[in-house]
């Protein structure tokens, strides 16, 4: 019993003295709870999702005040919003400035919304939009592949190098003619080959029986995937630069990766979430990969349309590599 209690005491004190792991166990649940409370606060029992432009002129439009209707105010280009109706992401668009409203005749909700709004939008012009709904699996697959890439890049590079440092491998490597640049580059190339092959195999294998919608170029999709992998590997190298504790490295990487997965639009659209959350998601490389991939697959976007995402991923890659190279130490 004395041996047991001594081990329990030693392990408990080891945990408490490892400040990184201790704070990780406190902060990570807090981040998740706060994040979900912001994203899903309020009434989620919505039946319809309606976009509006401008404000009602004259009397109020009472059907928009129903508790079963979620209102999203837009300031973007109207063509972008109409595209959301075409893809069944929102059910209706009301433009108070031009006194028009848009409905997708192929959507099940259109008939009921037309009845609900007929009395109050009698002076408005109805404009029809057509388009088949996008299957959830078509929308989801870029997020799942991106999530798999993120974990493989972060833990396959960052965690491994930290373990090398802890076990003294890097210390012995320092005595060899191998330079840090060569060592890091070799790690990146090795991980890139593994991740790109894994991603292609996962996509091709599941596509055999799910038949994803790919309206754009496969080569462009492969290019975006390759750039994103390099960006995520570079991000993982920052955690591997100096850390020696595997527990701390694992905690810090989880602290970054899990919120990134939740708030990058992997499983659900950020449409309707607070603007602050949508803005913050733009700082995640996973967000740019998912949005660019979905644009290529679903919208048939070309390189010009996804150029902002390519630029963002390229800039992030350079910043992450420079940061990792400055911080890196063998020991």
Protein backbone atom coordinates (compact mmCIF):
# COMPACT_ATOMS: atom_id res chain seq x y z
CA UNK A 1 0.00 0.00 0.00
CA UNK A 2 2.87 2.38 0.75
CA UNK A 3 4.29 1.79 -2.73
CA UNK A 4 0.89 2.45 -4.27
CA UNK A 5 0.33 5.70 -2.39
CA UNK A 6 3.89 6.82 -3.14
CA UNK A 7 3.33 6.31 -6.88
CA UNK A 8 -0.03 8.08 -6.74
CA UNK A 9 1.56 11.02 -4.90
CA UNK A 10 4.53 11.17 -7.27
CA UNK A 11 2.36 11.10 -10.40
CA UNK A 12 0.00 13.74 -8.97
CA UNK A 13 2.88 16.06 -8.12
CA UNK A 14 4.40 15.47 -11.55
CA UNK A 15 1.14 16.62 -13.12
CA UNK A 16 0.85 19.67 -10.91
CA UNK A 17 4.45 20.69 -11.53
CA UNK A 18 3.98 20.44 -15.29
CA UNK A 19 2.35 23.82 -15.63
CA UNK A 20 1.61 23.39 -19.34
CA UNK A 21 -0.37 20.18 -18.88
CA UNK A 22 -2.10 21.56 -15.80
CA UNK A 23 -3.31 24.72 -17.54
CA UNK A 24 -4.23 22.72 -20.64
CA UNK A 25 -6.63 20.58 -18.62
CA UNK A 26 -8.21 23.74 -17.27
CA UNK A 27 -8.36 25.83 -20.43
CA UNK A 28 -9.40 23.32 -23.09
CA UNK A 29 -12.85 22.49 -21.64
CA UNK A 30 -13.35 26.21 -20.98
CA UNK A 31 -12.63 27.08 -24.62
CA UNK A 32 -15.07 24.44 -25.87
CA UNK A 33 -17.86 25.48 -23.52
CA UNK A 34 -17.47 29.18 -24.34
CA UNK A 35 -17.19 28.49 -28.06
CA UNK A 36 -20.30 26.35 -28.23
CA UNK A 37 -22.25 28.75 -26.04
CA UNK A 38 -21.47 31.60 -28.46
CA UNK A 39 -22.15 29.58 -31.59
CA UNK A 40 -25.38 27.98 -30.46
CA UNK A 41 -26.81 30.49 -28.02
CA UNK A 42 -30.38 31.54 -28.55
CA UNK A 43 -33.27 29.72 -30.18
CA UNK A 44 -32.23 26.85 -32.43
CA UNK A 45 -35.77 25.59 -33.15
CA UNK A 46 -35.86 27.25 -36.55
CA UNK A 47 -37.80 25.75 -39.44
CA UNK A 48 -36.90 28.32 -42.09
CA UNK A 49 -33.81 30.40 -42.73
CA UNK A 50 -34.54 33.71 -44.50
CA UNK A 51 -32.03 36.29 -45.66
CA UNK A 52 -32.92 39.99 -45.76
CA UNK A 53 -31.34 43.02 -47.40
CA UNK A 54 -32.17 46.46 -46.05
CA UNK A 55 -35.02 47.38 -43.72
CA UNK A 56 -38.81 47.21 -44.23
CA UNK A 57 -40.28 50.37 -45.69
CA UNK A 58 -43.42 51.52 -43.90
CA UNK A 59 -45.25 48.88 -41.84
CA UNK A 60 -43.39 45.95 -40.32
CA UNK A 61 -43.35 42.52 -41.94
CA UNK A 62 -44.86 40.38 -39.19
CA UNK A 63 -44.29 36.93 -40.72
CA UNK A 64 -40.53 37.49 -40.35
CA UNK A 65 -41.06 37.78 -36.59
CA UNK A 66 -42.28 34.19 -36.22
CA UNK A 67 -40.22 32.17 -33.74
CA UNK A 68 -39.74 29.38 -36.30
CA UNK A 69 -37.94 31.68 -38.76
CA UNK A 70 -34.25 32.58 -38.50
CA UNK A 71 -33.39 35.94 -40.01
CA UNK A 72 -29.93 36.56 -41.47
CA UNK A 73 -29.08 40.12 -42.51
CA UNK A 74 -26.79 40.37 -45.53
CA UNK A 75 -24.58 43.11 -46.87
CA UNK A 76 -22.76 41.01 -49.46
CA UNK A 77 -23.28 40.96 -53.20
CA UNK A 78 -26.76 39.76 -54.09
CA UNK A 79 -25.43 37.14 -56.50
CA UNK A 80 -23.64 35.41 -53.63
CA UNK A 81 -26.85 35.30 -51.62
CA UNK A 82 -28.91 34.04 -54.57
CA UNK A 83 -26.35 31.27 -54.95
CA UNK A 84 -27.12 30.24 -51.37
CA UNK A 85 -30.80 29.91 -52.31
CA UNK A 86 -29.86 27.89 -55.39
CA UNK A 87 -27.89 25.50 -53.18
CA UNK A 88 -30.71 25.36 -50.56
CA UNK A 89 -28.53 26.93 -47.86
CA UNK A 90 -31.23 29.52 -47.14
CA UNK A 91 -34.93 29.22 -47.95
CA UNK A 92 -35.77 32.75 -49.03
CA UNK A 93 -34.26 36.18 -49.70
CA UNK A 94 -36.23 39.41 -49.18
CA UNK A 95 -34.75 42.59 -50.65
CA UNK A 96 -36.52 45.53 -49.01
CA UNK A 97 -34.51 48.05 -51.04
CA UNK A 98 -35.67 46.76 -54.44
CA UNK A 99 -38.99 45.31 -53.16
CA UNK A 100 -38.27 41.83 -54.47
CA UNK A 101 -38.02 38.37 -52.95
CA UNK A 102 -36.44 35.15 -54.16
CA UNK A 103 -37.60 31.56 -53.75
CA UNK A 104 -36.24 28.27 -55.04
CA UNK A 105 -39.12 26.40 -56.68
CA UNK A 106 -37.30 23.11 -56.19
CA UNK A 107 -37.13 23.59 -52.41
CA UNK A 108 -39.84 22.00 -50.25
CA UNK A 109 -40.14 25.13 -48.09
CA UNK A 110 -40.94 27.50 -50.97
CA UNK A 111 -44.64 26.72 -51.21
CA UNK A 112 -45.30 27.32 -47.52
CA UNK A 113 -43.16 30.47 -47.44
CA UNK A 114 -45.07 31.82 -50.44
CA UNK A 115 -48.33 31.36 -48.54
CA UNK A 116 -46.98 32.93 -45.34
CA UNK A 117 -45.64 35.99 -47.14
CA UNK A 118 -48.38 36.51 -49.74
CA UNK A 119 -50.38 39.09 -47.77
CA UNK A 120 -47.45 41.22 -46.60
CA UNK A 121 -45.31 41.04 -49.75
CA UNK A 122 -48.18 41.68 -52.13
CA UNK A 123 -46.41 44.72 -53.61
CA UNK A 124 -43.14 42.81 -54.01
CA UNK A 125 -41.96 41.04 -57.15
CA UNK A 126 -41.24 37.33 -56.84
CA UNK A 127 -38.14 36.10 -58.65
CA UNK A 128 -37.60 32.38 -59.07
CA UNK A 129 -34.33 30.57 -58.55
CA UNK A 130 -33.67 26.98 -59.56
CA UNK A 131 -31.08 24.53 -58.35
CA UNK A 132 -30.84 21.05 -56.91
CA UNK A 133 -29.88 20.69 -53.25
CA UNK A 134 -26.31 19.77 -52.41
CA UNK A 135 -26.04 16.50 -50.52
CA UNK A 136 -24.62 16.81 -47.05
CA UNK A 137 -21.93 14.27 -47.90
CA UNK A 138 -20.74 16.45 -50.82
CA UNK A 139 -20.55 19.41 -48.47
CA UNK A 140 -18.96 17.40 -45.65
CA UNK A 141 -16.15 15.52 -47.43
CA UNK A 142 -13.70 18.48 -47.71
CA UNK A 143 -14.08 19.08 -43.98
CA UNK A 144 -13.43 15.45 -43.06
CA UNK A 145 -10.37 15.20 -45.30
CA UNK A 146 -9.11 18.55 -43.98
CA UNK A 147 -9.56 17.40 -40.38
CA UNK A 148 -7.61 14.22 -41.11
CA UNK A 149 -4.85 16.27 -42.76
CA UNK A 150 -4.66 18.61 -39.77
CA UNK A 151 -4.21 15.84 -37.23
CA UNK A 152 -1.69 13.99 -39.39
CA UNK A 153 0.40 17.11 -40.04
CA UNK A 154 0.31 18.51 -36.52
CA UNK A 155 0.96 15.32 -34.59
CA UNK A 156 2.95 13.53 -37.28
CA UNK A 157 5.58 16.29 -37.32
CA UNK A 158 5.27 18.38 -34.16
CA UNK A 159 4.72 15.58 -31.68
CA UNK A 160 7.39 13.32 -33.21
CA UNK A 161 10.11 15.96 -33.12
CA UNK A 162 9.27 16.77 -29.52
CA UNK A 163 9.69 13.09 -28.70
CA UNK A 164 13.03 13.07 -30.53
CA UNK A 165 14.17 15.98 -28.40
CA UNK A 166 12.97 14.35 -25.20
CA UNK A 167 14.69 11.04 -26.00
CA UNK A 168 17.97 12.73 -26.91
CA UNK A 169 17.76 11.90 -30.63
CA UNK A 170 18.08 15.56 -31.63
CA UNK A 171 21.03 16.01 -29.29
CA UNK A 172 22.87 13.19 -31.05
CA UNK A 173 21.72 14.52 -34.43
CA UNK A 174 23.39 17.83 -33.58
CA UNK A 175 26.78 16.09 -33.56
CA UNK A 176 26.30 14.92 -37.17
CA UNK A 177 26.88 16.98 -40.33
CA UNK A 178 23.10 17.25 -40.79
CA UNK A 179 21.97 20.87 -40.59
CA UNK A 180 18.65 21.91 -39.01
CA UNK A 181 17.39 22.99 -42.44
CA UNK A 182 18.06 19.56 -43.95
CA UNK A 183 16.52 17.78 -40.98
CA UNK A 184 13.36 19.91 -40.97
CA UNK A 185 12.99 19.75 -44.75
CA UNK A 186 13.28 15.96 -44.71
CA UNK A 187 10.61 15.78 -42.02
CA UNK A 188 8.30 17.99 -44.06
CA UNK A 189 8.75 16.07 -47.31
CA UNK A 190 8.27 12.72 -45.63
CA UNK A 191 5.08 13.85 -43.91
CA UNK A 192 3.81 15.54 -47.09
CA UNK A 193 4.13 12.32 -49.10
CA UNK A 194 2.26 10.38 -46.43
CA UNK A 195 -0.55 12.91 -46.01
CA UNK A 196 -1.12 13.62 -49.71
CA UNK A 197 -1.27 9.91 -50.54
CA UNK A 198 -3.60 9.26 -47.62
CA UNK A 199 -5.89 12.12 -48.64
CA UNK A 200 -6.07 11.02 -52.26
CA UNK A 201 -6.76 7.41 -51.29
CA UNK A 202 -9.50 8.43 -48.84
CA UNK A 203 -11.14 10.67 -51.42
CA UNK A 204 -10.89 8.16 -54.28
CA UNK A 205 -11.96 5.20 -52.14
CA UNK A 206 -15.08 6.83 -50.71
CA UNK A 207 -15.94 8.37 -54.08
CA UNK A 208 -16.33 4.90 -55.56
CA UNK A 209 -19.63 4.39 -53.76
CA UNK A 210 -20.64 7.91 -52.69
CA UNK A 211 -20.01 9.64 -56.06
CA UNK A 212 -19.12 13.13 -54.89
CA UNK A 213 -20.07 16.19 -56.87
CA UNK A 214 -16.91 17.67 -58.38
CA UNK A 215 -17.85 20.49 -60.75
CA UNK A 216 -14.34 21.98 -60.81
CA UNK A 217 -10.86 20.81 -61.72
CA UNK A 218 -9.33 17.81 -59.98
CA UNK A 219 -5.87 19.30 -60.55
CA UNK A 220 -6.88 22.53 -58.84
CA UNK A 221 -8.31 20.52 -55.97
CA UNK A 222 -5.01 18.62 -55.69
CA UNK A 223 -3.06 21.89 -55.74
CA UNK A 224 -5.15 23.38 -52.91
CA UNK A 225 -4.72 20.17 -50.92
CA UNK A 226 -0.93 20.17 -51.41
CA UNK A 227 -0.58 23.83 -50.39
CA UNK A 228 -2.76 23.27 -47.33
CA UNK A 229 -0.67 20.27 -46.25
CA UNK A 230 2.54 22.31 -46.38
CA UNK A 231 0.80 25.08 -44.41
CA UNK A 232 -0.37 22.67 -41.70
CA UNK A 233 3.04 20.98 -41.47
CA UNK A 234 4.67 24.38 -41.07
CA UNK A 235 2.19 25.18 -38.31
CA UNK A 236 3.06 21.94 -36.53
CA UNK A 237 6.77 22.77 -36.68
CA UNK A 238 6.20 25.78 -34.43
CA UNK A 239 5.21 23.47 -31.58
CA UNK A 240 8.23 21.25 -32.30
CA UNK A 241 10.73 24.11 -32.27
CA UNK A 242 11.66 24.05 -28.58
CA UNK A 243 9.22 21.97 -26.54
CA UNK A 244 10.59 18.94 -24.73
CA UNK A 245 7.50 17.75 -22.86
CA UNK A 246 5.27 15.45 -24.91
CA UNK A 247 2.36 16.18 -22.57
CA UNK A 248 2.71 19.93 -23.06
CA UNK A 249 3.09 19.57 -26.83
CA UNK A 250 0.04 17.32 -27.04
CA UNK A 251 -1.97 19.72 -24.90
CA UNK A 252 -1.04 22.81 -26.87
CA UNK A 253 -1.72 21.13 -30.21
CA UNK A 254 -5.11 19.89 -29.02
CA UNK A 255 -5.85 23.36 -27.70
CA UNK A 256 -5.40 24.67 -31.24
CA UNK A 257 -6.70 21.81 -33.37
CA UNK A 258 -10.02 21.12 -31.68
CA UNK A 259 -11.33 24.71 -31.76
CA UNK A 260 -10.03 24.90 -35.34
CA UNK A 261 -12.06 21.82 -36.26
CA UNK A 262 -15.18 23.08 -34.52
CA UNK A 263 -15.08 26.63 -35.84
CA UNK A 264 -13.69 26.09 -39.36
CA UNK A 265 -16.96 24.73 -40.70
CA UNK A 266 -16.04 21.04 -40.77
CA UNK A 267 -19.41 19.69 -39.61
CA UNK A 268 -21.72 22.68 -39.87
CA UNK A 269 -21.93 25.94 -41.78
CA UNK A 270 -20.90 29.14 -40.03
CA UNK A 271 -23.84 30.86 -41.72
CA UNK A 272 -25.79 32.70 -39.05
CA UNK A 273 -23.08 32.49 -36.36
CA UNK A 274 -21.72 35.72 -34.81
CA UNK A 275 -19.60 37.86 -37.13
CA UNK A 276 -16.71 37.75 -34.65
CA UNK A 277 -16.56 33.97 -34.94
CA UNK A 278 -16.67 34.09 -38.75
CA UNK A 279 -13.84 36.63 -38.76
CA UNK A 280 -11.73 34.61 -36.31
CA UNK A 281 -12.12 31.48 -38.45
CA UNK A 282 -10.26 33.22 -41.30
CA UNK A 283 -7.05 32.92 -39.27
CA UNK A 284 -7.23 29.11 -39.43
CA UNK A 285 -5.54 27.36 -42.38
CA UNK A 286 -8.19 24.65 -42.16
CA UNK A 287 -10.92 27.22 -42.92
CA UNK A 288 -9.25 28.31 -46.16
CA UNK A 289 -8.71 24.71 -47.28
CA UNK A 290 -12.34 23.78 -46.62
CA UNK A 291 -13.82 26.86 -48.27
CA UNK A 292 -11.54 26.59 -51.31
CA UNK A 293 -12.20 22.86 -51.71
CA UNK A 294 -15.95 23.28 -51.41
CA UNK A 295 -15.87 26.11 -53.94
CA UNK A 296 -14.03 23.90 -56.44
CA UNK A 297 -16.13 20.79 -55.83
CA UNK A 298 -19.60 22.32 -55.46
CA UNK A 299 -19.44 25.63 -57.33
CA UNK A 300 -16.93 24.65 -60.02
CA UNK A 301 -14.72 27.59 -59.01
CA UNK A 302 -11.50 28.29 -60.87
CA UNK A 303 -8.18 29.55 -59.57
CA UNK A 304 -9.33 33.20 -59.79
CA UNK A 305 -12.32 32.57 -57.54
CA UNK A 306 -10.26 30.84 -54.84
CA UNK A 307 -7.21 33.08 -55.20
CA UNK A 308 -7.81 34.80 -51.81
CA UNK A 309 -7.63 31.40 -50.10
CA UNK A 310 -4.45 30.47 -52.00
CA UNK A 311 -2.81 33.75 -51.01
CA UNK A 312 -3.85 33.31 -47.38
CA UNK A 313 -2.46 29.76 -47.23
CA UNK A 314 0.80 30.86 -48.90
CA UNK A 315 1.30 33.77 -46.50
CA UNK A 316 0.54 31.56 -43.50
CA UNK A 317 3.04 28.95 -44.70
CA UNK A 318 5.83 31.52 -44.97
CA UNK A 319 5.03 33.02 -41.55
CA UNK A 320 4.89 29.61 -39.86
CA UNK A 321 8.16 28.46 -41.45
CA UNK A 322 10.00 31.64 -40.49
CA UNK A 323 8.68 31.43 -36.92
CA UNK A 324 9.66 27.77 -36.59
CA UNK A 325 13.13 28.35 -38.05
CA UNK A 326 13.82 31.20 -35.62
CA UNK A 327 12.62 29.24 -32.60
CA UNK A 328 14.12 25.85 -33.48
CA UNK A 329 16.77 24.37 -31.20
CA UNK A 330 18.32 20.92 -31.20
CA UNK A 331 18.13 20.69 -27.43
